[in-house]
Amino acid sequence: MSTDAETVVRAAYRAAEGSVLDVQGFMDLFAEDGVFNNVVAGETYRGEHLGDPVAFMGALAPDIHRELHRFHVMGDVVAVELSIRGTFTGPFETPAGTIPPTGATLDIPTADFWYVENGRIK
């Protein structure tokens, strides 16, 4: 596997695609002390839970796809402008209860920031 920061990040997105959904492969890209922060939800994942967001999104929208618009690589920091797209066919668990699937199309513009060190996501 390449240790190039952009290549590592692209591999993470590939593993999280609905057509691939390789949760273990996604987790394997992280350093032993790596973390995944979902800033919007206020959640942090570590260790055996690093794949939880990938599994969650795959259950929410099995056809999940991340349209990668722009990569900005600054050494070991990779900023990505993207859209998360898919069809809401799985239940959505919330603190207020479960939202049943609606079949709605998801198109969520977002940005991700990745920190890569020695070929692994930190």
PDB file of N, CA and C in Angstrom:
ATOM      1  N   MET A   1       0.844  -1.188   0.000  1.00  0.00           N
ATOM      2  CA  MET A   1       0.000   0.000   0.000  1.00  0.00           C
ATOM      3  C   MET A   1       0.884   1.245   0.000  1.00  0.00           C
ATOM      4  N   SER A   2       0.506   2.236  -0.772  1.00  0.00           N
ATOM      5  CA  SER A   2       1.235   3.497  -0.807  1.00  0.00           C
ATOM      6  C   SER A   2       1.046   4.244   0.506  1.00  0.00           C
ATOM      7  N   THR A   3       2.056   4.984   0.888  1.00  0.00           N
ATOM      8  CA  THR A   3       1.941   5.804   2.096  1.00  0.00           C
ATOM      9  C   THR A   3       1.644   7.255   1.750  1.00  0.00           C
ATOM     10  N   ASP A   4       1.478   7.551   0.460  1.00  0.00           N
ATOM     11  CA  ASP A   4       1.112   8.888   0.029  1.00  0.00           C
ATOM     12  C   ASP A   4      -0.215   9.280   0.673  1.00  0.00           C
ATOM     13  N   ALA A   5      -0.286  10.459   1.290  1.00  0.00           N
ATOM     14  CA  ALA A   5      -1.471  10.872   2.052  1.00  0.00           C
ATOM     15  C   ALA A   5      -2.746  10.820   1.219  1.00  0.00           C
ATOM     16  N   GLU A   6      -2.721  11.342   0.016  1.00  0.00           N
ATOM     17  CA  GLU A   6      -3.928  11.336  -0.814  1.00  0.00           C
ATOM     18  C   GLU A   6      -4.352   9.909  -1.158  1.00  0.00           C
ATOM     19  N   THR A   7      -3.411   9.043  -1.454  1.00  0.00           N
ATOM     20  CA  THR A   7      -3.721   7.650  -1.790  1.00  0.00           C
ATOM     21  C   THR A   7      -4.381   6.944  -0.611  1.00  0.00           C
ATOM     22  N   VAL A   8      -3.885   7.181   0.588  1.00  0.00           N
ATOM     23  CA  VAL A   8      -4.453   6.568   1.791  1.00  0.00           C
ATOM     24  C   VAL A   8      -5.890   7.050   1.991  1.00  0.00           C
ATOM     25  N   VAL A   9      -6.122   8.346   1.830  1.00  0.00           N
ATOM     26  CA  VAL A   9      -7.469   8.903   2.013  1.00  0.00           C
ATOM     27  C   VAL A   9      -8.420   8.373   0.946  1.00  0.00           C
ATOM     28  N   ARG A  10      -7.970   8.305  -0.288  1.00  0.00           N
ATOM     29  CA  ARG A  10      -8.825   7.755  -1.354  1.00  0.00           C
ATOM     30  C   ARG A  10      -9.191   6.298  -1.058  1.00  0.00           C
ATOM     31  N   ALA A  11      -8.256   5.541  -0.478  1.00  0.00           N
ATOM     32  CA  ALA A  11      -8.542   4.150  -0.110  1.00  0.00           C
ATOM     33  C   ALA A  11      -9.627   4.089   0.967  1.00  0.00           C
ATOM     34  N   ALA A  12      -9.618   5.039   1.893  1.00  0.00           N
ATOM     35  CA  ALA A  12     -10.642   5.087   2.941  1.00  0.00           C
ATOM     36  C   ALA A  12     -12.018   5.347   2.334  1.00  0.00           C
ATOM     37  N   TYR A  13     -12.094   6.297   1.408  1.00  0.00           N
ATOM     38  CA  TYR A  13     -13.378   6.564   0.756  1.00  0.00           C
ATOM     39  C   TYR A  13     -13.852   5.345  -0.024  1.00  0.00           C
ATOM     40  N   ARG A  14     -12.935   4.678  -0.706  1.00  0.00           N
ATOM     41  CA  ARG A  14     -13.296   3.497  -1.501  1.00  0.00           C
ATOM     42  C   ARG A  14     -13.874   2.402  -0.591  1.00  0.00           C
ATOM     43  N   ALA A  15     -13.239   2.179   0.548  1.00  0.00           N
ATOM     44  CA  ALA A  15     -13.700   1.143   1.475  1.00  0.00           C
ATOM     45  C   ALA A  15     -15.087   1.451   2.033  1.00  0.00           C
ATOM     46  N   ALA A  16     -15.461   2.731   2.079  1.00  0.00           N
ATOM     47  CA  ALA A  16     -16.738   3.149   2.658  1.00  0.00           C
ATOM     48  C   ALA A  16     -17.861   3.250   1.624  1.00  0.00           C
ATOM     49  N   GLU A  17     -17.569   2.942   0.370  1.00  0.00           N
ATOM     50  CA  GLU A  17     -18.592   2.979  -0.671  1.00  0.00           C
ATOM     51  C   GLU A  17     -19.607   1.859  -0.458  1.00  0.00           C
ATOM     52  N   GLY A  18     -20.867   2.147  -0.730  1.00  0.00           N
ATOM     53  CA  GLY A  18     -21.916   1.140  -0.583  1.00  0.00           C
ATOM     54  C   GLY A  18     -21.664  -0.095  -1.424  1.00  0.00           C
ATOM     55  N   SER A  19     -21.058   0.071  -2.591  1.00  0.00           N
ATOM     56  CA  SER A  19     -20.793  -1.073  -3.464  1.00  0.00           C
ATOM     57  C   SER A  19     -19.634  -1.922  -2.961  1.00  0.00           C
ATOM     58  N   VAL A  20     -18.866  -1.407  -2.015  1.00  0.00           N
ATOM     59  CA  VAL A  20     -17.712  -2.118  -1.459  1.00  0.00           C
ATOM     60  C   VAL A  20     -17.949  -2.441   0.011  1.00  0.00           C
ATOM     61  N   LEU A  21     -18.243  -1.433   0.793  1.00  0.00           N
ATOM     62  CA  LEU A  21     -18.492  -1.495   2.236  1.00  0.00           C
ATOM     63  C   LEU A  21     -17.558  -2.474   2.958  1.00  0.00           C
ATOM     64  N   ASP A  22     -16.278  -2.130   2.920  1.00  0.00           N
ATOM     65  CA  ASP A  22     -15.227  -2.922   3.562  1.00  0.00           C
ATOM     66  C   ASP A  22     -14.879  -2.263   4.896  1.00  0.00           C
ATOM     67  N   VAL A  23     -15.671  -2.547   5.924  1.00  0.00           N
ATOM     68  CA  VAL A  23     -15.492  -1.914   7.235  1.00  0.00           C
ATOM     69  C   VAL A  23     -14.109  -2.220   7.795  1.00  0.00           C
ATOM     70  N   GLN A  24     -13.670  -3.483   7.729  1.00  0.00           N
ATOM     71  CA  GLN A  24     -12.356  -3.837   8.253  1.00  0.00           C
ATOM     72  C   GLN A  24     -11.251  -3.158   7.448  1.00  0.00           C
ATOM     73  N   GLY A  25     -11.418  -3.092   6.135  1.00  0.00           N
ATOM     74  CA  GLY A  25     -10.442  -2.410   5.298  1.00  0.00           C
ATOM     75  C   GLY A  25     -10.318  -0.942   5.652  1.00  0.00           C
ATOM     76  N   PHE A  26     -11.447  -0.305   5.960  1.00  0.00           N
ATOM     77  CA  PHE A  26     -11.449   1.090   6.397  1.00  0.00           C
ATOM     78  C   PHE A  26     -10.680   1.220   7.705  1.00  0.00           C
ATOM     79  N   MET A  27     -10.986   0.343   8.651  1.00  0.00           N
ATOM     80  CA  MET A  27     -10.333   0.388   9.964  1.00  0.00           C
ATOM     81  C   MET A  27      -8.826   0.151   9.844  1.00  0.00           C
ATOM     82  N   ASP A  28      -8.425  -0.722   8.948  1.00  0.00           N
ATOM     83  CA  ASP A  28      -7.015  -1.062   8.784  1.00  0.00           C
ATOM     84  C   ASP A  28      -6.169   0.107   8.278  1.00  0.00           C
ATOM     85  N   LEU A  29      -6.816   1.133   7.740  1.00  0.00           N
ATOM     86  CA  LEU A  29      -6.083   2.307   7.247  1.00  0.00           C
ATOM     87  C   LEU A  29      -5.683   3.259   8.373  1.00  0.00           C
ATOM     88  N   PHE A  30      -6.189   3.032   9.570  1.00  0.00           N
ATOM     89  CA  PHE A  30      -5.918   3.918  10.700  1.00  0.00           C
ATOM     90  C   PHE A  30      -4.716   3.441  11.503  1.00  0.00           C
ATOM     91  N   ALA A  31      -4.003   4.409  12.068  1.00  0.00           N
ATOM     92  CA  ALA A  31      -2.925   4.108  13.004  1.00  0.00           C
ATOM     93  C   ALA A  31      -3.539   3.515  14.268  1.00  0.00           C
ATOM     94  N   GLU A  32      -2.725   2.841  15.048  1.00  0.00           N
ATOM     95  CA  GLU A  32      -3.205   2.217  16.283  1.00  0.00           C
ATOM     96  C   GLU A  32      -3.913   3.235  17.185  1.00  0.00           C
ATOM     97  N   ASP A  33      -3.413   4.460  17.212  1.00  0.00           N
ATOM     98  CA  ASP A  33      -4.019   5.506  18.035  1.00  0.00           C
ATOM     99  C   ASP A  33      -4.880   6.465  17.210  1.00  0.00           C
ATOM    100  N   GLY A  34      -5.274   6.035  15.999  1.00  0.00           N
ATOM    101  CA  GLY A  34      -6.075   6.877  15.119  1.00  0.00           C
ATOM    102  C   GLY A  34      -7.480   7.094  15.643  1.00  0.00           C
ATOM    103  N   VAL A  35      -8.071   8.219  15.250  1.00  0.00           N
ATOM    104  CA  VAL A  35      -9.440   8.546  15.646  1.00  0.00           C
ATOM    105  C   VAL A  35     -10.222   9.021  14.430  1.00  0.00           C
ATOM    106  N   PHE A  36     -11.526   8.821  14.485  1.00  0.00           N
ATOM    107  CA  PHE A  36     -12.443   9.345  13.482  1.00  0.00           C
ATOM    108  C   PHE A  36     -13.413  10.234  14.231  1.00  0.00           C
ATOM    109  N   ASN A  37     -13.426  11.515  13.913  1.00  0.00           N
ATOM    110  CA  ASN A  37     -14.311  12.473  14.570  1.00  0.00           C
ATOM    111  C   ASN A  37     -15.460  12.844  13.640  1.00  0.00           C
ATOM    112  N   ASN A  38     -16.671  12.658  14.107  1.00  0.00           N
ATOM    113  CA  ASN A  38     -17.854  13.143  13.412  1.00  0.00           C
ATOM    114  C   ASN A  38     -18.241  14.422  14.141  1.00  0.00           C
ATOM    115  N   VAL A  39     -17.746  15.534  13.654  1.00  0.00           N
ATOM    116  CA  VAL A  39     -17.927  16.815  14.330  1.00  0.00           C
ATOM    117  C   VAL A  39     -19.406  17.197  14.395  1.00  0.00           C
ATOM    118  N   VAL A  40     -20.146  16.944  13.334  1.00  0.00           N
ATOM    119  CA  VAL A  40     -21.562  17.314  13.290  1.00  0.00           C
ATOM    120  C   VAL A  40     -22.345  16.595  14.384  1.00  0.00           C
ATOM    121  N   ALA A  41     -22.096  15.304  14.560  1.00  0.00           N
ATOM    122  CA  ALA A  41     -22.815  14.515  15.565  1.00  0.00           C
ATOM    123  C   ALA A  41     -22.151  14.584  16.937  1.00  0.00           C
ATOM    124  N   GLY A  42     -20.964  15.173  17.001  1.00  0.00           N
ATOM    125  CA  GLY A  42     -20.257  15.265  18.272  1.00  0.00           C
ATOM    126  C   GLY A  42     -19.774  13.909  18.768  1.00  0.00           C
ATOM    127  N   GLU A  43     -19.385  13.038  17.841  1.00  0.00           N
ATOM    128  CA  GLU A  43     -18.961  11.685  18.194  1.00  0.00           C
ATOM    129  C   GLU A  43     -17.516  11.448  17.774  1.00  0.00           C
ATOM    130  N   THR A  44     -16.807  10.650  18.573  1.00  0.00           N
ATOM    131  CA  THR A  44     -15.437  10.262  18.284  1.00  0.00           C
ATOM    132  C   THR A  44     -15.351   8.746  18.354  1.00  0.00           C
ATOM    133  N   TYR A  45     -14.698   8.148  17.361  1.00  0.00           N
ATOM    134  CA  TYR A  45     -14.560   6.699  17.283  1.00  0.00           C
ATOM    135  C   TYR A  45     -13.084   6.328  17.339  1.00  0.00           C
ATOM    136  N   ARG A  46     -12.771   5.266  18.099  1.00  0.00           N
ATOM    137  CA  ARG A  46     -11.405   4.771  18.252  1.00  0.00           C
ATOM    138  C   ARG A  46     -11.416   3.241  18.241  1.00  0.00           C
ATOM    139  N   GLY A  47     -10.239   2.673  17.987  1.00  0.00           N
ATOM    140  CA  GLY A  47     -10.061   1.227  18.118  1.00  0.00           C
ATOM    141  C   GLY A  47     -11.092   0.428  17.354  1.00  0.00           C
ATOM    142  N   GLU A  48     -11.722  -0.514  18.046  1.00  0.00           N
ATOM    143  CA  GLU A  48     -12.677  -1.415  17.408  1.00  0.00           C
ATOM    144  C   GLU A  48     -13.930  -0.701  16.902  1.00  0.00           C
ATOM    145  N   HIS A  49     -14.102   0.564  17.256  1.00  0.00           N
ATOM    146  CA  HIS A  49     -15.290   1.322  16.812  1.00  0.00           C
ATOM    147  C   HIS A  49     -15.018   2.225  15.612  1.00  0.00           C
ATOM    148  N   LEU A  50     -13.788   2.202  15.073  1.00  0.00           N
ATOM    149  CA  LEU A  50     -13.463   3.061  13.938  1.00  0.00           C
ATOM    150  C   LEU A  50     -14.364   2.799  12.725  1.00  0.00           C
ATOM    151  N   GLY A  51     -14.844   1.606  12.568  1.00  0.00           N
ATOM    152  CA  GLY A  51     -15.699   1.272  11.436  1.00  0.00           C
ATOM    153  C   GLY A  51     -17.168   1.558  11.655  1.00  0.00           C
ATOM    154  N   ASP A  52     -17.547   1.948  12.863  1.00  0.00           N
ATOM    155  CA  ASP A  52     -18.965   2.191  13.163  1.00  0.00           C
ATOM    156  C   ASP A  52     -19.628   3.202  12.223  1.00  0.00           C
ATOM    157  N   PRO A  53     -18.980   4.346  11.922  1.00  0.00           N
ATOM    158  CA  PRO A  53     -19.656   5.292  11.025  1.00  0.00           C
ATOM    159  C   PRO A  53     -19.846   4.737   9.616  1.00  0.00           C
ATOM    160  N   VAL A  54     -18.921   3.912   9.162  1.00  0.00           N
ATOM    161  CA  VAL A  54     -19.044   3.304   7.832  1.00  0.00           C
ATOM    162  C   VAL A  54     -20.217   2.326   7.823  1.00  0.00           C
ATOM    163  N   ALA A  55     -20.299   1.483   8.842  1.00  0.00           N
ATOM    164  CA  ALA A  55     -21.407   0.523   8.939  1.00  0.00           C
ATOM    165  C   ALA A  55     -22.744   1.252   9.068  1.00  0.00           C
ATOM    166  N   PHE A  56     -22.785   2.321   9.868  1.00  0.00           N
ATOM    167  CA  PHE A  56     -24.013   3.094  10.063  1.00  0.00           C
ATOM    168  C   PHE A  56     -24.508   3.668   8.739  1.00  0.00           C
ATOM    169  N   MET A  57     -23.607   4.327   8.006  1.00  0.00           N
ATOM    170  CA  MET A  57     -24.014   4.941   6.741  1.00  0.00           C
ATOM    171  C   MET A  57     -24.411   3.889   5.713  1.00  0.00           C
ATOM    172  N   GLY A  58     -23.734   2.729   5.744  1.00  0.00           N
ATOM    173  CA  GLY A  58     -24.087   1.650   4.831  1.00  0.00           C
ATOM    174  C   GLY A  58     -25.470   1.080   5.120  1.00  0.00           C
ATOM    175  N   ALA A  59     -25.859   1.056   6.394  1.00  0.00           N
ATOM    176  CA  ALA A  59     -27.197   0.580   6.763  1.00  0.00           C
ATOM    177  C   ALA A  59     -28.263   1.631   6.442  1.00  0.00           C
ATOM    178  N   LEU A  60     -27.914   2.899   6.630  1.00  0.00           N
ATOM    179  CA  LEU A  60     -28.844   3.998   6.363  1.00  0.00           C
ATOM    180  C   LEU A  60     -29.148   4.118   4.877  1.00  0.00           C
ATOM    181  N   ALA A  61     -28.093   4.037   4.066  1.00  0.00           N
ATOM    182  CA  ALA A  61     -28.225   4.170   2.614  1.00  0.00           C
ATOM    183  C   ALA A  61     -27.275   3.163   1.963  1.00  0.00           C
ATOM    184  N   PRO A  62     -27.737   1.945   1.692  1.00  0.00           N
ATOM    185  CA  PRO A  62     -26.862   0.910   1.148  1.00  0.00           C
ATOM    186  C   PRO A  62     -26.166   1.289  -0.164  1.00  0.00           C
ATOM    187  N   ASP A  63     -26.722   2.245  -0.885  1.00  0.00           N
ATOM    188  CA  ASP A  63     -26.082   2.695  -2.130  1.00  0.00           C
ATOM    189  C   ASP A  63     -25.208   3.932  -1.893  1.00  0.00           C
ATOM    190  N   ILE A  64     -24.771   4.139  -0.674  1.00  0.00           N
ATOM    191  CA  ILE A  64     -24.001   5.325  -0.291  1.00  0.00           C
ATOM    192  C   ILE A  64     -22.801   5.525  -1.218  1.00  0.00           C
ATOM    193  N   HIS A  65     -22.621   6.769  -1.620  1.00  0.00           N
ATOM    194  CA  HIS A  65     -21.517   7.131  -2.507  1.00  0.00           C
ATOM    195  C   HIS A  65     -21.027   8.511  -2.100  1.00  0.00           C
ATOM    196  N   ARG A  66     -19.722   8.670  -2.084  1.00  0.00           N
ATOM    197  CA  ARG A  66     -19.138   9.976  -1.794  1.00  0.00           C
ATOM    198  C   ARG A  66     -18.551  10.533  -3.073  1.00  0.00           C
ATOM    199  N   GLU A  67     -19.189  11.574  -3.582  1.00  0.00           N
ATOM    200  CA  GLU A  67     -18.689  12.253  -4.780  1.00  0.00           C
ATOM    201  C   GLU A  67     -17.573  13.190  -4.338  1.00  0.00           C
ATOM    202  N   LEU A  68     -16.356  12.862  -4.727  1.00  0.00           N
ATOM    203  CA  LEU A  68     -15.179  13.622  -4.301  1.00  0.00           C
ATOM    204  C   LEU A  68     -14.934  14.751  -5.297  1.00  0.00           C
ATOM    205  N   HIS A  69     -15.168  15.982  -4.858  1.00  0.00           N
ATOM    206  CA  HIS A  69     -15.059  17.130  -5.753  1.00  0.00           C
ATOM    207  C   HIS A  69     -13.630  17.667  -5.844  1.00  0.00           C
ATOM    208  N   ARG A  70     -13.016  17.942  -4.716  1.00  0.00           N
ATOM    209  CA  ARG A  70     -11.666  18.521  -4.704  1.00  0.00           C
ATOM    210  C   ARG A  70     -10.845  17.956  -3.557  1.00  0.00           C
ATOM    211  N   PHE A  71      -9.574  17.700  -3.853  1.00  0.00           N
ATOM    212  CA  PHE A  71      -8.595  17.308  -2.836  1.00  0.00           C
ATOM    213  C   PHE A  71      -7.600  18.442  -2.688  1.00  0.00           C
ATOM    214  N   HIS A  72      -7.292  18.787  -1.466  1.00  0.00           N
ATOM    215  CA  HIS A  72      -6.267  19.775  -1.162  1.00  0.00           C
ATOM    216  C   HIS A  72      -5.267  19.081  -0.249  1.00  0.00           C
ATOM    217  N   VAL A  73      -4.081  18.810  -0.775  1.00  0.00           N
ATOM    218  CA  VAL A  73      -3.074  18.077  -0.019  1.00  0.00           C
ATOM    219  C   VAL A  73      -1.998  19.057   0.420  1.00  0.00           C
ATOM    220  N   MET A  74      -1.779  19.100   1.725  1.00  0.00           N
ATOM    221  CA  MET A  74      -0.756  19.965   2.311  1.00  0.00           C
ATOM    222  C   MET A  74       0.122  19.093   3.191  1.00  0.00           C
ATOM    223  N   GLY A  75       1.097  18.426   2.550  1.00  0.00           N
ATOM    224  CA  GLY A  75       1.944  17.495   3.283  1.00  0.00           C
ATOM    225  C   GLY A  75       1.142  16.292   3.714  1.00  0.00           C
ATOM    226  N   ASP A  76       1.031  16.085   5.023  1.00  0.00           N
ATOM    227  CA  ASP A  76       0.291  14.950   5.569  1.00  0.00           C
ATOM    228  C   ASP A  76      -1.149  15.290   5.928  1.00  0.00           C
ATOM    229  N   VAL A  77      -1.596  16.485   5.540  1.00  0.00           N
ATOM    230  CA  VAL A  77      -2.981  16.896   5.785  1.00  0.00           C
ATOM    231  C   VAL A  77      -3.719  16.906   4.450  1.00  0.00           C
ATOM    232  N   VAL A  78      -4.886  16.253   4.426  1.00  0.00           N
ATOM    233  CA  VAL A  78      -5.691  16.191   3.215  1.00  0.00           C
ATOM    234  C   VAL A  78      -7.072  16.747   3.536  1.00  0.00           C
ATOM    235  N   ALA A  79      -7.454  17.806   2.838  1.00  0.00           N
ATOM    236  CA  ALA A  79      -8.796  18.377   2.962  1.00  0.00           C
ATOM    237  C   ALA A  79      -9.572  17.982   1.708  1.00  0.00           C
ATOM    238  N   VAL A  80     -10.792  17.510   1.897  1.00  0.00           N
ATOM    239  CA  VAL A  80     -11.588  17.017   0.777  1.00  0.00           C
ATOM    240  C   VAL A  80     -12.949  17.696   0.776  1.00  0.00           C
ATOM    241  N   GLU A  81     -13.316  18.247  -0.365  1.00  0.00           N
ATOM    242  CA  GLU A  81     -14.662  18.764  -0.577  1.00  0.00           C
ATOM    243  C   GLU A  81     -15.440  17.652  -1.269  1.00  0.00           C
ATOM    244  N   LEU A  82     -16.601  17.293  -0.717  1.00  0.00           N
ATOM    245  CA  LEU A  82     -17.345  16.161  -1.254  1.00  0.00           C
ATOM    246  C   LEU A  82     -18.831  16.309  -1.013  1.00  0.00           C
ATOM    247  N   SER A  83     -19.581  15.417  -1.642  1.00  0.00           N
ATOM    248  CA  SER A  83     -21.015  15.277  -1.394  1.00  0.00           C
ATOM    249  C   SER A  83     -21.267  13.820  -1.054  1.00  0.00           C
ATOM    250  N   ILE A  84     -22.040  13.598  -0.004  1.00  0.00           N
ATOM    251  CA  ILE A  84     -22.435  12.247   0.384  1.00  0.00           C
ATOM    252  C   ILE A  84     -23.802  12.011  -0.233  1.00  0.00           C
ATOM    253  N   ARG A  85     -23.893  10.977  -1.067  1.00  0.00           N
ATOM    254  CA  ARG A  85     -25.140  10.731  -1.792  1.00  0.00           C
ATOM    255  C   ARG A  85     -25.601   9.296  -1.589  1.00  0.00           C
ATOM    256  N   GLY A  86     -26.898   9.116  -1.614  1.00  0.00           N
ATOM    257  CA  GLY A  86     -27.473   7.785  -1.479  1.00  0.00           C
ATOM    258  C   GLY A  86     -28.972   7.869  -1.330  1.00  0.00           C
ATOM    259  N   THR A  87     -29.580   6.725  -1.066  1.00  0.00           N
ATOM    260  CA  THR A  87     -31.027   6.635  -0.910  1.00  0.00           C
ATOM    261  C   THR A  87     -31.336   6.127   0.495  1.00  0.00           C
ATOM    262  N   PHE A  88     -32.162   6.860   1.208  1.00  0.00           N
ATOM    263  CA  PHE A  88     -32.501   6.548   2.594  1.00  0.00           C
ATOM    264  C   PHE A  88     -33.464   5.356   2.628  1.00  0.00           C
ATOM    265  N   THR A  89     -32.891   4.143   2.694  1.00  0.00           N
ATOM    266  CA  THR A  89     -33.709   2.931   2.703  1.00  0.00           C
ATOM    267  C   THR A  89     -33.573   2.140   3.999  1.00  0.00           C
ATOM    268  N   GLY A  90     -32.753   2.630   4.916  1.00  0.00           N
ATOM    269  CA  GLY A  90     -32.585   1.945   6.192  1.00  0.00           C
ATOM    270  C   GLY A  90     -33.131   2.804   7.311  1.00  0.00           C
ATOM    271  N   PRO A  91     -33.451   2.226   8.448  1.00  0.00           N
ATOM    272  CA  PRO A  91     -33.951   3.042   9.558  1.00  0.00           C
ATOM    273  C   PRO A  91     -32.865   3.972  10.095  1.00  0.00           C
ATOM    274  N   PHE A  92     -33.276   5.099  10.644  1.00  0.00           N
ATOM    275  CA  PHE A  92     -32.362   6.090  11.201  1.00  0.00           C
ATOM    276  C   PHE A  92     -32.674   6.227  12.679  1.00  0.00           C
ATOM    277  N   GLU A  93     -31.768   5.702  13.492  1.00  0.00           N
ATOM    278  CA  GLU A  93     -31.951   5.745  14.944  1.00  0.00           C
ATOM    279  C   GLU A  93     -31.552   7.122  15.468  1.00  0.00           C
ATOM    280  N   THR A  94     -32.439   7.756  16.221  1.00  0.00           N
ATOM    281  CA  THR A  94     -32.160   9.058  16.820  1.00  0.00           C
ATOM    282  C   THR A  94     -32.515   8.984  18.304  1.00  0.00           C
ATOM    283  N   PRO A  95     -32.047   9.935  19.097  1.00  0.00           N
ATOM    284  CA  PRO A  95     -32.433   9.954  20.512  1.00  0.00           C
ATOM    285  C   PRO A  95     -33.947  10.078  20.714  1.00  0.00           C
ATOM    286  N   ALA A  96     -34.623  10.667  19.735  1.00  0.00           N
ATOM    287  CA  ALA A  96     -36.072  10.848  19.842  1.00  0.00           C
ATOM    288  C   ALA A  96     -36.853   9.637  19.322  1.00  0.00           C
ATOM    289  N   GLY A  97     -36.148   8.654  18.769  1.00  0.00           N
ATOM    290  CA  GLY A  97     -36.812   7.473  18.231  1.00  0.00           C
ATOM    291  C   GLY A  97     -36.310   7.149  16.841  1.00  0.00           C
ATOM    292  N   THR A  98     -36.874   6.118  16.266  1.00  0.00           N
ATOM    293  CA  THR A  98     -36.456   5.642  14.951  1.00  0.00           C
ATOM    294  C   THR A  98     -37.253   6.333  13.853  1.00  0.00           C
ATOM    295  N   ILE A  99     -36.543   6.837  12.879  1.00  0.00           N
ATOM    296  CA  ILE A  99     -37.185   7.399  11.692  1.00  0.00           C
ATOM    297  C   ILE A  99     -37.209   6.288  10.644  1.00  0.00           C
ATOM    298  N   PRO A 100     -38.389   5.880  10.200  1.00  0.00           N
ATOM    299  CA  PRO A 100     -38.458   4.794   9.208  1.00  0.00           C
ATOM    300  C   PRO A 100     -37.934   5.260   7.856  1.00  0.00           C
ATOM    301  N   PRO A 101     -37.476   4.330   7.030  1.00  0.00           N
ATOM    302  CA  PRO A 101     -36.962   4.688   5.705  1.00  0.00           C
ATOM    303  C   PRO A 101     -38.040   5.351   4.853  1.00  0.00           C
ATOM    304  N   THR A 102     -37.601   6.326   4.073  1.00  0.00           N
ATOM    305  CA  THR A 102     -38.542   7.057   3.218  1.00  0.00           C
ATOM    306  C   THR A 102     -38.242   6.898   1.733  1.00  0.00           C
ATOM    307  N   GLY A 103     -37.037   6.412   1.401  1.00  0.00           N
ATOM    308  CA  GLY A 103     -36.643   6.345  -0.003  1.00  0.00           C
ATOM    309  C   GLY A 103     -36.148   7.679  -0.524  1.00  0.00           C
ATOM    310  N   ALA A 104     -36.023   8.667   0.364  1.00  0.00           N
ATOM    311  CA  ALA A 104     -35.550   9.995  -0.047  1.00  0.00           C
ATOM    312  C   ALA A 104     -34.109   9.926  -0.543  1.00  0.00           C
ATOM    313  N   THR A 105     -33.801  10.785  -1.484  1.00  0.00           N
ATOM    314  CA  THR A 105     -32.441  10.896  -1.998  1.00  0.00           C
ATOM    315  C   THR A 105     -31.639  11.803  -1.082  1.00  0.00           C
ATOM    316  N   LEU A 106     -30.482  11.328  -0.660  1.00  0.00           N
ATOM    317  CA  LEU A 106     -29.580  12.127   0.165  1.00  0.00           C
ATOM    318  C   LEU A 106     -28.553  12.800  -0.730  1.00  0.00           C
ATOM    319  N   ASP A 107     -28.280  14.043  -0.481  1.00  0.00           N
ATOM    320  CA  ASP A 107     -27.213  14.775  -1.172  1.00  0.00           C
ATOM    321  C   ASP A 107     -26.694  15.796  -0.173  1.00  0.00           C
ATOM    322  N   ILE A 108     -25.654  15.391   0.554  1.00  0.00           N
ATOM    323  CA  ILE A 108     -25.154  16.173   1.676  1.00  0.00           C
ATOM    324  C   ILE A 108     -23.784  16.748   1.340  1.00  0.00           C
ATOM    325  N   PRO A 109     -23.699  18.058   1.085  1.00  0.00           N
ATOM    326  CA  PRO A 109     -22.383  18.655   0.838  1.00  0.00           C
ATOM    327  C   PRO A 109     -21.605  18.719   2.150  1.00  0.00           C
ATOM    328  N   THR A 110     -20.333  18.430   2.086  1.00  0.00           N
ATOM    329  CA  THR A 110     -19.531  18.427   3.305  1.00  0.00           C
ATOM    330  C   THR A 110     -18.055  18.593   2.973  1.00  0.00           C
ATOM    331  N   ALA A 111     -17.249  18.638   4.013  1.00  0.00           N
ATOM    332  CA  ALA A 111     -15.793  18.673   3.871  1.00  0.00           C
ATOM    333  C   ALA A 111     -15.205  17.778   4.942  1.00  0.00           C
ATOM    334  N   ASP A 112     -14.166  17.068   4.585  1.00  0.00           N
ATOM    335  CA  ASP A 112     -13.458  16.200   5.523  1.00  0.00           C
ATOM    336  C   ASP A 112     -12.013  16.646   5.618  1.00  0.00           C
ATOM    337  N   PHE A 113     -11.428  16.447   6.781  1.00  0.00           N
ATOM    338  CA  PHE A 113     -10.013  16.736   7.003  1.00  0.00           C
ATOM    339  C   PHE A 113      -9.363  15.481   7.553  1.00  0.00           C
ATOM    340  N   TRP A 114      -8.316  15.037   6.892  1.00  0.00           N
ATOM    341  CA  TRP A 114      -7.619  13.808   7.248  1.00  0.00           C
ATOM    342  C   TRP A 114      -6.171  14.144   7.591  1.00  0.00           C
ATOM    343  N   TYR A 115      -5.670  13.494   8.596  1.00  0.00           N
ATOM    344  CA  TYR A 115      -4.268  13.645   8.998  1.00  0.00           C
ATOM    345  C   TYR A 115      -3.616  12.278   8.842  1.00  0.00           C
ATOM    346  N   VAL A 116      -2.600  12.205   8.012  1.00  0.00           N
ATOM    347  CA  VAL A 116      -1.942  10.942   7.693  1.00  0.00           C
ATOM    348  C   VAL A 116      -0.501  11.005   8.191  1.00  0.00           C
ATOM    349  N   GLU A 117      -0.103   9.961   8.891  1.00  0.00           N
ATOM    350  CA  GLU A 117       1.256   9.895   9.409  1.00  0.00           C
ATOM    351  C   GLU A 117       1.797   8.484   9.179  1.00  0.00           C
ATOM    352  N   ASN A 118       2.956   8.390   8.525  1.00  0.00           N
ATOM    353  CA  ASN A 118       3.570   7.089   8.231  1.00  0.00           C
ATOM    354  C   ASN A 118       2.609   6.146   7.506  1.00  0.00           C
ATOM    355  N   GLY A 119       1.828   6.688   6.574  1.00  0.00           N
ATOM    356  CA  GLY A 119       0.933   5.874   5.756  1.00  0.00           C
ATOM    357  C   GLY A 119      -0.338   5.432   6.446  1.00  0.00           C
ATOM    358  N   ARG A 120      -0.633   5.987   7.610  1.00  0.00           N
ATOM    359  CA  ARG A 120      -1.842   5.623   8.341  1.00  0.00           C
ATOM    360  C   ARG A 120      -2.596   6.887   8.756  1.00  0.00           C
ATOM    361  N   ILE A 121      -3.923   6.759   8.853  1.00  0.00           N
ATOM    362  CA  ILE A 121      -4.753   7.891   9.255  1.00  0.00           C
ATOM    363  C   ILE A 121      -4.664   8.050  10.761  1.00  0.00           C
ATOM    364  N   LYS A 122      -4.418   9.289  11.180  1.00  0.00           N
ATOM    365  CA  LYS A 122      -4.324   9.598  12.612  1.00  0.00           C
ATOM    366  C   LYS A 122      -5.648  10.112  13.128  1.00  0.00           C
TER     367      LYS A 122
END
